[in-house]
């Protein structure tokens, strides 16, 4: 297997995390009254995507595969990382934005 050389410095991933926090703050604190709750729920995916990309980029040197035999382990670690971050988003962040989540979506 060829060695993967990443030229992206860790500073880039910290910037993604910082931008995600800033976008989240702007959307959910500063501009909260400008959007409907349904729009805010759907727009919450933007800071989530930026945050997950930053976290994944920072953790990549620790979890990247080094041989053919450990690809399943790598896939499980990445899946676990994403599911934990997704559950934090769905169970902690979204309920703070909209306590009655079904009503916020118009269901």
PDB file of N, CA and C in Angstrom:
ATOM      1  N   UNK A   1       0.841  -1.160   0.000  1.00  0.00           N
ATOM      2  CA  UNK A   1       0.000   0.000   0.000  1.00  0.00           C
ATOM      3  C   UNK A   1       0.894   1.233   0.000  1.00  0.00           C
ATOM      4  N   UNK A   2       0.556   2.206  -0.810  1.00  0.00           N
ATOM      5  CA  UNK A   2       1.338   3.433  -0.890  1.00  0.00           C
ATOM      6  C   UNK A   2       1.106   4.290   0.344  1.00  0.00           C
ATOM      7  N   UNK A   3       2.161   5.007   0.704  1.00  0.00           N
ATOM      8  CA  UNK A   3       2.047   5.924   1.838  1.00  0.00           C
ATOM      9  C   UNK A   3       1.257   7.158   1.410  1.00  0.00           C
ATOM     10  N   UNK A   4       0.329   7.579   2.250  1.00  0.00           N
ATOM     11  CA  UNK A   4      -0.499   8.748   1.963  1.00  0.00           C
ATOM     12  C   UNK A   4       0.170   9.961   2.591  1.00  0.00           C
ATOM     13  N   UNK A   5       0.515  10.925   1.756  1.00  0.00           N
ATOM     14  CA  UNK A   5       1.119  12.157   2.255  1.00  0.00           C
ATOM     15  C   UNK A   5       0.084  13.265   2.214  1.00  0.00           C
ATOM     16  N   UNK A   6      -0.212  13.794   3.363  1.00  0.00           N
ATOM     17  CA  UNK A   6      -1.161  14.890   3.441  1.00  0.00           C
ATOM     18  C   UNK A   6      -0.391  16.191   3.609  1.00  0.00           C
ATOM     19  N   UNK A   7      -0.623  17.118   2.732  1.00  0.00           N
ATOM     20  CA  UNK A   7       0.042  18.417   2.798  1.00  0.00           C
ATOM     21  C   UNK A   7      -0.793  19.446   3.551  1.00  0.00           C
ATOM     22  N   UNK A   8      -1.971  19.057   4.014  1.00  0.00           N
ATOM     23  CA  UNK A   8      -2.841  19.992   4.716  1.00  0.00           C
ATOM     24  C   UNK A   8      -2.362  20.128   6.154  1.00  0.00           C
ATOM     25  N   UNK A   9      -1.993  21.336   6.552  1.00  0.00           N
ATOM     26  CA  UNK A   9      -1.532  21.516   7.939  1.00  0.00           C
ATOM     27  C   UNK A   9      -2.696  21.444   8.921  1.00  0.00           C
ATOM     28  N   UNK A  10      -2.427  21.030  10.157  1.00  0.00           N
ATOM     29  CA  UNK A  10      -3.492  20.952  11.173  1.00  0.00           C
ATOM     30  C   UNK A  10      -4.186  22.291  11.403  1.00  0.00           C
ATOM     31  N   UNK A  11      -3.496  23.390  11.135  1.00  0.00           N
ATOM     32  CA  UNK A  11      -4.093  24.709  11.323  1.00  0.00           C
ATOM     33  C   UNK A  11      -5.365  24.854  10.483  1.00  0.00           C
ATOM     34  N   UNK A  12      -5.388  24.251   9.309  1.00  0.00           N
ATOM     35  CA  UNK A  12      -6.561  24.309   8.433  1.00  0.00           C
ATOM     36  C   UNK A  12      -7.772  23.680   9.116  1.00  0.00           C
ATOM     37  N   UNK A  13      -7.562  22.558   9.794  1.00  0.00           N
ATOM     38  CA  UNK A  13      -8.670  21.884  10.453  1.00  0.00           C
ATOM     39  C   UNK A  13      -9.147  22.666  11.677  1.00  0.00           C
ATOM     40  N   UNK A  14      -8.240  23.313  12.382  1.00  0.00           N
ATOM     41  CA  UNK A  14      -8.640  24.182  13.487  1.00  0.00           C
ATOM     42  C   UNK A  14      -9.450  25.365  12.972  1.00  0.00           C
ATOM     43  N   UNK A  15      -9.080  25.871  11.792  1.00  0.00           N
ATOM     44  CA  UNK A  15      -9.842  26.965  11.189  1.00  0.00           C
ATOM     45  C   UNK A  15     -11.253  26.494  10.840  1.00  0.00           C
ATOM     46  N   UNK A  16     -11.394  25.268  10.311  1.00  0.00           N
ATOM     47  CA  UNK A  16     -12.730  24.716  10.021  1.00  0.00           C
ATOM     48  C   UNK A  16     -13.578  24.635  11.291  1.00  0.00           C
ATOM     49  N   UNK A  17     -12.980  24.191  12.383  1.00  0.00           N
ATOM     50  CA  UNK A  17     -13.713  24.092  13.641  1.00  0.00           C
ATOM     51  C   UNK A  17     -14.116  25.483  14.122  1.00  0.00           C
ATOM     52  N   UNK A  18     -13.206  26.432  14.042  1.00  0.00           N
ATOM     53  CA  UNK A  18     -13.511  27.799  14.443  1.00  0.00           C
ATOM     54  C   UNK A  18     -14.616  28.406  13.580  1.00  0.00           C
ATOM     55  N   UNK A  19     -14.557  28.183  12.266  1.00  0.00           N
ATOM     56  CA  UNK A  19     -15.596  28.687  11.363  1.00  0.00           C
ATOM     57  C   UNK A  19     -16.940  28.040  11.689  1.00  0.00           C
ATOM     58  N   UNK A  20     -16.937  26.751  12.022  1.00  0.00           N
ATOM     59  CA  UNK A  20     -18.200  26.092  12.373  1.00  0.00           C
ATOM     60  C   UNK A  20     -18.813  26.701  13.620  1.00  0.00           C
ATOM     61  N   UNK A  21     -17.980  27.020  14.603  1.00  0.00           N
ATOM     62  CA  UNK A  21     -18.492  27.650  15.825  1.00  0.00           C
ATOM     63  C   UNK A  21     -19.020  29.052  15.513  1.00  0.00           C
ATOM     64  N   UNK A  22     -18.291  29.803  14.695  1.00  0.00           N
ATOM     65  CA  UNK A  22     -18.737  31.148  14.332  1.00  0.00           C
ATOM     66  C   UNK A  22     -20.041  31.127  13.538  1.00  0.00           C
ATOM     67  N   UNK A  23     -20.145  30.216  12.570  1.00  0.00           N
ATOM     68  CA  UNK A  23     -21.381  30.102  11.784  1.00  0.00           C
ATOM     69  C   UNK A  23     -22.535  29.698  12.689  1.00  0.00           C
ATOM     70  N   UNK A  24     -22.296  28.751  13.587  1.00  0.00           N
ATOM     71  CA  UNK A  24     -23.334  28.345  14.531  1.00  0.00           C
ATOM     72  C   UNK A  24     -23.760  29.496  15.423  1.00  0.00           C
ATOM     73  N   UNK A  25     -22.806  30.265  15.915  1.00  0.00           N
ATOM     74  CA  UNK A  25     -23.127  31.416  16.758  1.00  0.00           C
ATOM     75  C   UNK A  25     -23.938  32.457  15.977  1.00  0.00           C
ATOM     76  N   UNK A  26     -23.504  32.742  14.747  1.00  0.00           N
ATOM     77  CA  UNK A  26     -24.233  33.714  13.930  1.00  0.00           C
ATOM     78  C   UNK A  26     -25.662  33.258  13.648  1.00  0.00           C
ATOM     79  N   UNK A  27     -25.813  31.991  13.267  1.00  0.00           N
ATOM     80  CA  UNK A  27     -27.146  31.486  12.916  1.00  0.00           C
ATOM     81  C   UNK A  27     -28.071  31.387  14.121  1.00  0.00           C
ATOM     82  N   UNK A  28     -27.552  30.884  15.242  1.00  0.00           N
ATOM     83  CA  UNK A  28     -28.432  30.514  16.342  1.00  0.00           C
ATOM     84  C   UNK A  28     -28.456  31.512  17.494  1.00  0.00           C
ATOM     85  N   UNK A  29     -27.634  32.553  17.430  1.00  0.00           N
ATOM     86  CA  UNK A  29     -27.677  33.588  18.457  1.00  0.00           C
ATOM     87  C   UNK A  29     -27.973  34.943  17.829  1.00  0.00           C
ATOM     88  N   UNK A  30     -27.165  35.332  16.859  1.00  0.00           N
ATOM     89  CA  UNK A  30     -27.297  36.665  16.273  1.00  0.00           C
ATOM     90  C   UNK A  30     -28.495  36.752  15.318  1.00  0.00           C
ATOM     91  N   UNK A  31     -28.608  35.803  14.395  1.00  0.00           N
ATOM     92  CA  UNK A  31     -29.656  35.858  13.364  1.00  0.00           C
ATOM     93  C   UNK A  31     -30.842  34.937  13.668  1.00  0.00           C
ATOM     94  N   UNK A  32     -30.962  34.519  14.905  1.00  0.00           N
ATOM     95  CA  UNK A  32     -32.006  33.559  15.277  1.00  0.00           C
ATOM     96  C   UNK A  32     -33.411  34.051  14.935  1.00  0.00           C
ATOM     97  N   UNK A  33     -33.674  35.322  15.101  1.00  0.00           N
ATOM     98  CA  UNK A  33     -35.009  35.859  14.853  1.00  0.00           C
ATOM     99  C   UNK A  33     -35.278  36.132  13.371  1.00  0.00           C
ATOM    100  N   UNK A  34     -34.259  36.079  12.544  1.00  0.00           N
ATOM    101  CA  UNK A  34     -34.415  36.345  11.114  1.00  0.00           C
ATOM    102  C   UNK A  34     -34.910  35.128  10.337  1.00  0.00           C
ATOM    103  N   UNK A  35     -34.742  33.941  10.901  1.00  0.00           N
ATOM    104  CA  UNK A  35     -35.109  32.698  10.229  1.00  0.00           C
ATOM    105  C   UNK A  35     -36.205  31.982  11.009  1.00  0.00           C
ATOM    106  N   UNK A  36     -36.967  31.168  10.307  1.00  0.00           N
ATOM    107  CA  UNK A  36     -37.925  30.306  11.001  1.00  0.00           C
ATOM    108  C   UNK A  36     -37.156  29.169  11.668  1.00  0.00           C
ATOM    109  N   UNK A  37     -37.793  28.542  12.650  1.00  0.00           N
ATOM    110  CA  UNK A  37     -37.138  27.442  13.359  1.00  0.00           C
ATOM    111  C   UNK A  37     -36.854  26.297  12.402  1.00  0.00           C
ATOM    112  N   UNK A  38     -37.759  26.062  11.474  1.00  0.00           N
ATOM    113  CA  UNK A  38     -37.547  24.995  10.499  1.00  0.00           C
ATOM    114  C   UNK A  38     -36.297  25.279   9.659  1.00  0.00           C
ATOM    115  N   UNK A  39     -36.114  26.507   9.239  1.00  0.00           N
ATOM    116  CA  UNK A  39     -34.915  26.868   8.480  1.00  0.00           C
ATOM    117  C   UNK A  39     -33.658  26.689   9.324  1.00  0.00           C
ATOM    118  N   UNK A  40     -33.718  27.088  10.584  1.00  0.00           N
ATOM    119  CA  UNK A  40     -32.561  26.933  11.465  1.00  0.00           C
ATOM    120  C   UNK A  40     -32.191  25.471  11.664  1.00  0.00           C
ATOM    121  N   UNK A  41     -33.196  24.612  11.778  1.00  0.00           N
ATOM    122  CA  UNK A  41     -32.918  23.183  11.930  1.00  0.00           C
ATOM    123  C   UNK A  41     -32.204  22.653  10.694  1.00  0.00           C
ATOM    124  N   UNK A  42     -32.659  23.034   9.516  1.00  0.00           N
ATOM    125  CA  UNK A  42     -32.005  22.566   8.298  1.00  0.00           C
ATOM    126  C   UNK A  42     -30.640  23.216   8.101  1.00  0.00           C
ATOM    127  N   UNK A  43     -30.498  24.475   8.462  1.00  0.00           N
ATOM    128  CA  UNK A  43     -29.209  25.155   8.341  1.00  0.00           C
ATOM    129  C   UNK A  43     -28.190  24.667   9.367  1.00  0.00           C
ATOM    130  N   UNK A  44     -28.637  23.984  10.393  1.00  0.00           N
ATOM    131  CA  UNK A  44     -27.708  23.473  11.401  1.00  0.00           C
ATOM    132  C   UNK A  44     -26.756  22.447  10.813  1.00  0.00           C
ATOM    133  N   UNK A  45     -27.074  21.922   9.649  1.00  0.00           N
ATOM    134  CA  UNK A  45     -26.172  20.977   8.989  1.00  0.00           C
ATOM    135  C   UNK A  45     -24.878  21.617   8.521  1.00  0.00           C
ATOM    136  N   UNK A  46     -24.895  22.917   8.255  1.00  0.00           N
ATOM    137  CA  UNK A  46     -23.689  23.591   7.765  1.00  0.00           C
ATOM    138  C   UNK A  46     -22.595  23.615   8.840  1.00  0.00           C
ATOM    139  N   UNK A  47     -22.867  24.144  10.049  1.00  0.00           N
ATOM    140  CA  UNK A  47     -21.796  24.090  11.050  1.00  0.00           C
ATOM    141  C   UNK A  47     -21.443  22.660  11.458  1.00  0.00           C
ATOM    142  N   UNK A  48     -22.428  21.760  11.420  1.00  0.00           N
ATOM    143  CA  UNK A  48     -22.136  20.359  11.740  1.00  0.00           C
ATOM    144  C   UNK A  48     -21.146  19.780  10.739  1.00  0.00           C
ATOM    145  N   UNK A  49     -21.362  20.023   9.455  1.00  0.00           N
ATOM    146  CA  UNK A  49     -20.457  19.523   8.420  1.00  0.00           C
ATOM    147  C   UNK A  49     -19.053  20.098   8.598  1.00  0.00           C
ATOM    148  N   UNK A  50     -18.940  21.394   8.843  1.00  0.00           N
ATOM    149  CA  UNK A  50     -17.631  22.017   9.034  1.00  0.00           C
ATOM    150  C   UNK A  50     -16.929  21.466  10.278  1.00  0.00           C
ATOM    151  N   UNK A  51     -17.688  21.265  11.357  1.00  0.00           N
ATOM    152  CA  UNK A  51     -17.113  20.746  12.590  1.00  0.00           C
ATOM    153  C   UNK A  51     -16.622  19.315  12.409  1.00  0.00           C
ATOM    154  N   UNK A  52     -17.431  18.473  11.779  1.00  0.00           N
ATOM    155  CA  UNK A  52     -17.041  17.083  11.563  1.00  0.00           C
ATOM    156  C   UNK A  52     -15.813  17.002  10.657  1.00  0.00           C
ATOM    157  N   UNK A  53     -15.764  17.838   9.620  1.00  0.00           N
ATOM    158  CA  UNK A  53     -14.597  17.842   8.723  1.00  0.00           C
ATOM    159  C   UNK A  53     -13.335  18.248   9.493  1.00  0.00           C
ATOM    160  N   UNK A  54     -13.444  19.235  10.370  1.00  0.00           N
ATOM    161  CA  UNK A  54     -12.298  19.651  11.165  1.00  0.00           C
ATOM    162  C   UNK A  54     -11.841  18.571  12.130  1.00  0.00           C
ATOM    163  N   UNK A  55     -12.774  17.955  12.824  1.00  0.00           N
ATOM    164  CA  UNK A  55     -12.434  16.889  13.776  1.00  0.00           C
ATOM    165  C   UNK A  55     -11.814  15.700  13.044  1.00  0.00           C
ATOM    166  N   UNK A  56     -12.413  15.307  11.926  1.00  0.00           N
ATOM    167  CA  UNK A  56     -11.886  14.177  11.170  1.00  0.00           C
ATOM    168  C   UNK A  56     -10.474  14.479  10.667  1.00  0.00           C
ATOM    169  N   UNK A  57     -10.242  15.702  10.187  1.00  0.00           N
ATOM    170  CA  UNK A  57      -8.913  16.071   9.711  1.00  0.00           C
ATOM    171  C   UNK A  57      -7.874  16.046  10.815  1.00  0.00           C
ATOM    172  N   UNK A  58      -8.249  16.496  12.004  1.00  0.00           N
ATOM    173  CA  UNK A  58      -7.307  16.464  13.124  1.00  0.00           C
ATOM    174  C   UNK A  58      -7.018  15.042  13.589  1.00  0.00           C
ATOM    175  N   UNK A  59      -8.031  14.188  13.555  1.00  0.00           N
ATOM    176  CA  UNK A  59      -7.847  12.815  14.033  1.00  0.00           C
ATOM    177  C   UNK A  59      -7.275  11.869  12.980  1.00  0.00           C
ATOM    178  N   UNK A  60      -7.234  12.292  11.725  1.00  0.00           N
ATOM    179  CA  UNK A  60      -6.798  11.403  10.649  1.00  0.00           C
ATOM    180  C   UNK A  60      -5.421  10.792  10.898  1.00  0.00           C
ATOM    181  N   UNK A  61      -4.392  11.540  11.331  1.00  0.00           N
ATOM    182  CA  UNK A  61      -3.089  10.899  11.563  1.00  0.00           C
ATOM    183  C   UNK A  61      -3.140   9.796  12.614  1.00  0.00           C
ATOM    184  N   UNK A  62      -4.089   9.869  13.531  1.00  0.00           N
ATOM    185  CA  UNK A  62      -4.200   8.853  14.585  1.00  0.00           C
ATOM    186  C   UNK A  62      -4.965   7.607  14.121  1.00  0.00           C
ATOM    187  N   UNK A  63      -5.899   7.764  13.173  1.00  0.00           N
ATOM    188  CA  UNK A  63      -6.763   6.637  12.810  1.00  0.00           C
ATOM    189  C   UNK A  63      -6.558   6.144  11.395  1.00  0.00           C
ATOM    190  N   UNK A  64      -5.608   6.730  10.632  1.00  0.00           N
ATOM    191  CA  UNK A  64      -5.448   6.307   9.246  1.00  0.00           C
ATOM    192  C   UNK A  64      -4.948   4.867   9.186  1.00  0.00           C
ATOM    193  N   UNK A  65      -5.386   4.120   8.186  1.00  0.00           N
ATOM    194  CA  UNK A  65      -4.968   2.723   8.070  1.00  0.00           C
ATOM    195  C   UNK A  65      -3.510   2.628   7.640  1.00  0.00           C
ATOM    196  N   UNK A  66      -2.813   1.604   8.149  1.00  0.00           N
ATOM    197  CA  UNK A  66      -1.414   1.405   7.783  1.00  0.00           C
ATOM    198  C   UNK A  66      -1.191   0.113   7.018  1.00  0.00           C
ATOM    199  N   UNK A  67      -2.185  -0.717   6.912  1.00  0.00           N
ATOM    200  CA  UNK A  67      -2.041  -1.974   6.187  1.00  0.00           C
ATOM    201  C   UNK A  67      -3.388  -2.470   5.715  1.00  0.00           C
ATOM    202  N   UNK A  68      -3.366  -3.454   4.822  1.00  0.00           N
ATOM    203  CA  UNK A  68      -4.606  -3.968   4.254  1.00  0.00           C
ATOM    204  C   UNK A  68      -5.481  -4.677   5.276  1.00  0.00           C
ATOM    205  N   UNK A  69      -4.885  -5.259   6.302  1.00  0.00           N
ATOM    206  CA  UNK A  69      -5.640  -6.066   7.259  1.00  0.00           C
ATOM    207  C   UNK A  69      -6.472  -5.229   8.221  1.00  0.00           C
ATOM    208  N   UNK A  70      -6.194  -3.932   8.344  1.00  0.00           N
ATOM    209  CA  UNK A  70      -6.909  -3.163   9.356  1.00  0.00           C
ATOM    210  C   UNK A  70      -7.950  -2.225   8.772  1.00  0.00           C
ATOM    211  N   UNK A  71      -8.293  -2.376   7.508  1.00  0.00           N
ATOM    212  CA  UNK A  71      -9.290  -1.478   6.932  1.00  0.00           C
ATOM    213  C   UNK A  71     -10.629  -1.572   7.636  1.00  0.00           C
ATOM    214  N   UNK A  72     -11.020  -2.748   8.099  1.00  0.00           N
ATOM    215  CA  UNK A  72     -12.297  -2.879   8.797  1.00  0.00           C
ATOM    216  C   UNK A  72     -12.232  -2.134  10.132  1.00  0.00           C
ATOM    217  N   UNK A  73     -11.100  -2.193  10.813  1.00  0.00           N
ATOM    218  CA  UNK A  73     -10.932  -1.461  12.062  1.00  0.00           C
ATOM    219  C   UNK A  73     -11.026   0.040  11.809  1.00  0.00           C
ATOM    220  N   UNK A  74     -10.382   0.499  10.746  1.00  0.00           N
ATOM    221  CA  UNK A  74     -10.429   1.921  10.394  1.00  0.00           C
ATOM    222  C   UNK A  74     -11.865   2.340  10.099  1.00  0.00           C
ATOM    223  N   UNK A  75     -12.584   1.558   9.328  1.00  0.00           N
ATOM    224  CA  UNK A  75     -13.975   1.880   8.994  1.00  0.00           C
ATOM    225  C   UNK A  75     -14.840   1.932  10.249  1.00  0.00           C
ATOM    226  N   UNK A  76     -14.613   1.037  11.184  1.00  0.00           N
ATOM    227  CA  UNK A  76     -15.378   1.043  12.427  1.00  0.00           C
ATOM    228  C   UNK A  76     -15.062   2.276  13.277  1.00  0.00           C
ATOM    229  N   UNK A  77     -13.795   2.676  13.359  1.00  0.00           N
ATOM    230  CA  UNK A  77     -13.422   3.879  14.111  1.00  0.00           C
ATOM    231  C   UNK A  77     -14.035   5.129  13.497  1.00  0.00           C
ATOM    232  N   UNK A  78     -13.963   5.245  12.179  1.00  0.00           N
ATOM    233  CA  UNK A  78     -14.541   6.412  11.502  1.00  0.00           C
ATOM    234  C   UNK A  78     -16.055   6.428  11.689  1.00  0.00           C
ATOM    235  N   UNK A  79     -16.694   5.281  11.554  1.00  0.00           N
ATOM    236  CA  UNK A  79     -18.140   5.195  11.771  1.00  0.00           C
ATOM    237  C   UNK A  79     -18.514   5.559  13.192  1.00  0.00           C
ATOM    238  N   UNK A  80     -17.755   5.098  14.159  1.00  0.00           N
ATOM    239  CA  UNK A  80     -18.008   5.435  15.557  1.00  0.00           C
ATOM    240  C   UNK A  80     -17.848   6.936  15.806  1.00  0.00           C
ATOM    241  N   UNK A  81     -16.823   7.519  15.220  1.00  0.00           N
ATOM    242  CA  UNK A  81     -16.609   8.961  15.353  1.00  0.00           C
ATOM    243  C   UNK A  81     -17.800   9.744  14.803  1.00  0.00           C
ATOM    244  N   UNK A  82     -18.235   9.405  13.594  1.00  0.00           N
ATOM    245  CA  UNK A  82     -19.342  10.122  12.984  1.00  0.00           C
ATOM    246  C   UNK A  82     -20.651   9.911  13.737  1.00  0.00           C
ATOM    247  N   UNK A  83     -20.905   8.714  14.209  1.00  0.00           N
ATOM    248  CA  UNK A  83     -22.160   8.465  14.916  1.00  0.00           C
ATOM    249  C   UNK A  83     -22.181   9.207  16.253  1.00  0.00           C
ATOM    250  N   UNK A  84     -21.049   9.287  16.945  1.00  0.00           N
ATOM    251  CA  UNK A  84     -20.993  10.038  18.202  1.00  0.00           C
ATOM    252  C   UNK A  84     -21.245  11.521  17.946  1.00  0.00           C
ATOM    253  N   UNK A  85     -20.580  12.086  16.928  1.00  0.00           N
ATOM    254  CA  UNK A  85     -20.790  13.497  16.612  1.00  0.00           C
ATOM    255  C   UNK A  85     -22.222  13.758  16.139  1.00  0.00           C
ATOM    256  N   UNK A  86     -22.788  12.833  15.380  1.00  0.00           N
ATOM    257  CA  UNK A  86     -24.171  12.984  14.918  1.00  0.00           C
ATOM    258  C   UNK A  86     -25.149  12.940  16.098  1.00  0.00           C
ATOM    259  N   UNK A  87     -24.934  12.019  17.037  1.00  0.00           N
ATOM    260  CA  UNK A  87     -25.815  11.934  18.201  1.00  0.00           C
ATOM    261  C   UNK A  87     -25.703  13.181  19.073  1.00  0.00           C
ATOM    262  N   UNK A  88     -24.517  13.729  19.215  1.00  0.00           N
ATOM    263  CA  UNK A  88     -24.370  14.994  19.951  1.00  0.00           C
ATOM    264  C   UNK A  88     -25.181  16.081  19.258  1.00  0.00           C
ATOM    265  N   UNK A  89     -25.109  16.111  17.943  1.00  0.00           N
ATOM    266  CA  UNK A  89     -25.848  17.122  17.181  1.00  0.00           C
ATOM    267  C   UNK A  89     -27.366  16.945  17.345  1.00  0.00           C
ATOM    268  N   UNK A  90     -27.828  15.716  17.220  1.00  0.00           N
ATOM    269  CA  UNK A  90     -29.270  15.451  17.243  1.00  0.00           C
ATOM    270  C   UNK A  90     -29.844  15.483  18.656  1.00  0.00           C
ATOM    271  N   UNK A  91     -29.128  14.977  19.633  1.00  0.00           N
ATOM    272  CA  UNK A  91     -29.690  14.863  20.974  1.00  0.00           C
ATOM    273  C   UNK A  91     -29.353  16.024  21.896  1.00  0.00           C
ATOM    274  N   UNK A  92     -28.341  16.815  21.583  1.00  0.00           N
ATOM    275  CA  UNK A  92     -27.965  17.925  22.465  1.00  0.00           C
ATOM    276  C   UNK A  92     -28.210  19.274  21.798  1.00  0.00           C
ATOM    277  N   UNK A  93     -27.709  19.457  20.592  1.00  0.00           N
ATOM    278  CA  UNK A  93     -27.793  20.770  19.941  1.00  0.00           C
ATOM    279  C   UNK A  93     -29.199  21.047  19.400  1.00  0.00           C
ATOM    280  N   UNK A  94     -29.763  20.144  18.630  1.00  0.00           N
ATOM    281  CA  UNK A  94     -31.093  20.384  18.063  1.00  0.00           C
ATOM    282  C   UNK A  94     -32.192  20.542  19.113  1.00  0.00           C
ATOM    283  N   UNK A  95     -32.224  19.752  20.184  1.00  0.00           N
ATOM    284  CA  UNK A  95     -33.256  19.989  21.204  1.00  0.00           C
ATOM    285  C   UNK A  95     -33.135  21.344  21.899  1.00  0.00           C
ATOM    286  N   UNK A  96     -31.942  21.900  21.971  1.00  0.00           N
ATOM    287  CA  UNK A  96     -31.799  23.244  22.533  1.00  0.00           C
ATOM    288  C   UNK A  96     -32.361  24.296  21.588  1.00  0.00           C
ATOM    289  N   UNK A  97     -32.277  24.034  20.281  1.00  0.00           N
ATOM    290  CA  UNK A  97     -32.827  24.959  19.298  1.00  0.00           C
ATOM    291  C   UNK A  97     -34.338  24.866  19.249  1.00  0.00           C
ATOM    292  N   UNK A  98     -34.851  23.659  19.352  1.00  0.00           N
ATOM    293  CA  UNK A  98     -36.287  23.440  19.212  1.00  0.00           C
ATOM    294  C   UNK A  98     -36.709  22.304  20.150  1.00  0.00           C
ATOM    295  N   UNK A  99     -37.250  22.625  21.323  1.00  0.00           N
ATOM    296  CA  UNK A  99     -37.629  21.580  22.274  1.00  0.00           C
ATOM    297  C   UNK A  99     -38.665  20.596  21.722  1.00  0.00           C
ATOM    298  N   UNK A 100     -39.613  21.065  20.918  1.00  0.00           N
ATOM    299  CA  UNK A 100     -40.606  20.178  20.298  1.00  0.00           C
ATOM    300  C   UNK A 100     -40.189  19.979  18.845  1.00  0.00           C
ATOM    301  N   UNK A 101     -39.262  19.049  18.632  1.00  0.00           N
ATOM    302  CA  UNK A 101     -38.607  18.901  17.338  1.00  0.00           C
ATOM    303  C   UNK A 101     -39.581  18.578  16.207  1.00  0.00           C
ATOM    304  N   UNK A 102     -40.560  17.712  16.449  1.00  0.00           N
ATOM    305  CA  UNK A 102     -41.542  17.363  15.419  1.00  0.00           C
ATOM    306  C   UNK A 102     -42.333  18.560  14.960  1.00  0.00           C
ATOM    307  N   UNK A 103     -42.704  19.428  15.884  1.00  0.00           N
ATOM    308  CA  UNK A 103     -43.453  20.631  15.528  1.00  0.00           C
ATOM    309  C   UNK A 103     -42.587  21.615  14.750  1.00  0.00           C
ATOM    310  N   UNK A 104     -41.285  21.626  15.040  1.00  0.00           N
ATOM    311  CA  UNK A 104     -40.374  22.517  14.304  1.00  0.00           C
ATOM    312  C   UNK A 104     -40.262  22.111  12.848  1.00  0.00           C
ATOM    313  N   UNK A 105     -40.373  20.833  12.579  1.00  0.00           N
ATOM    314  CA  UNK A 105     -40.272  20.355  11.199  1.00  0.00           C
ATOM    315  C   UNK A 105     -41.608  20.411  10.474  1.00  0.00           C
ATOM    316  N   UNK A 106     -42.656  20.712  11.169  1.00  0.00           N
ATOM    317  CA  UNK A 106     -43.985  20.789  10.546  1.00  0.00           C
ATOM    318  C   UNK A 106     -44.624  19.424  10.396  1.00  0.00           C
ATOM    319  N   UNK A 107     -44.184  18.473  11.203  1.00  0.00           N
ATOM    320  CA  UNK A 107     -44.726  17.103  11.119  1.00  0.00           C
ATOM    321  C   UNK A 107     -45.951  16.987  11.997  1.00  0.00           C
TER     322      UNK A 107
END
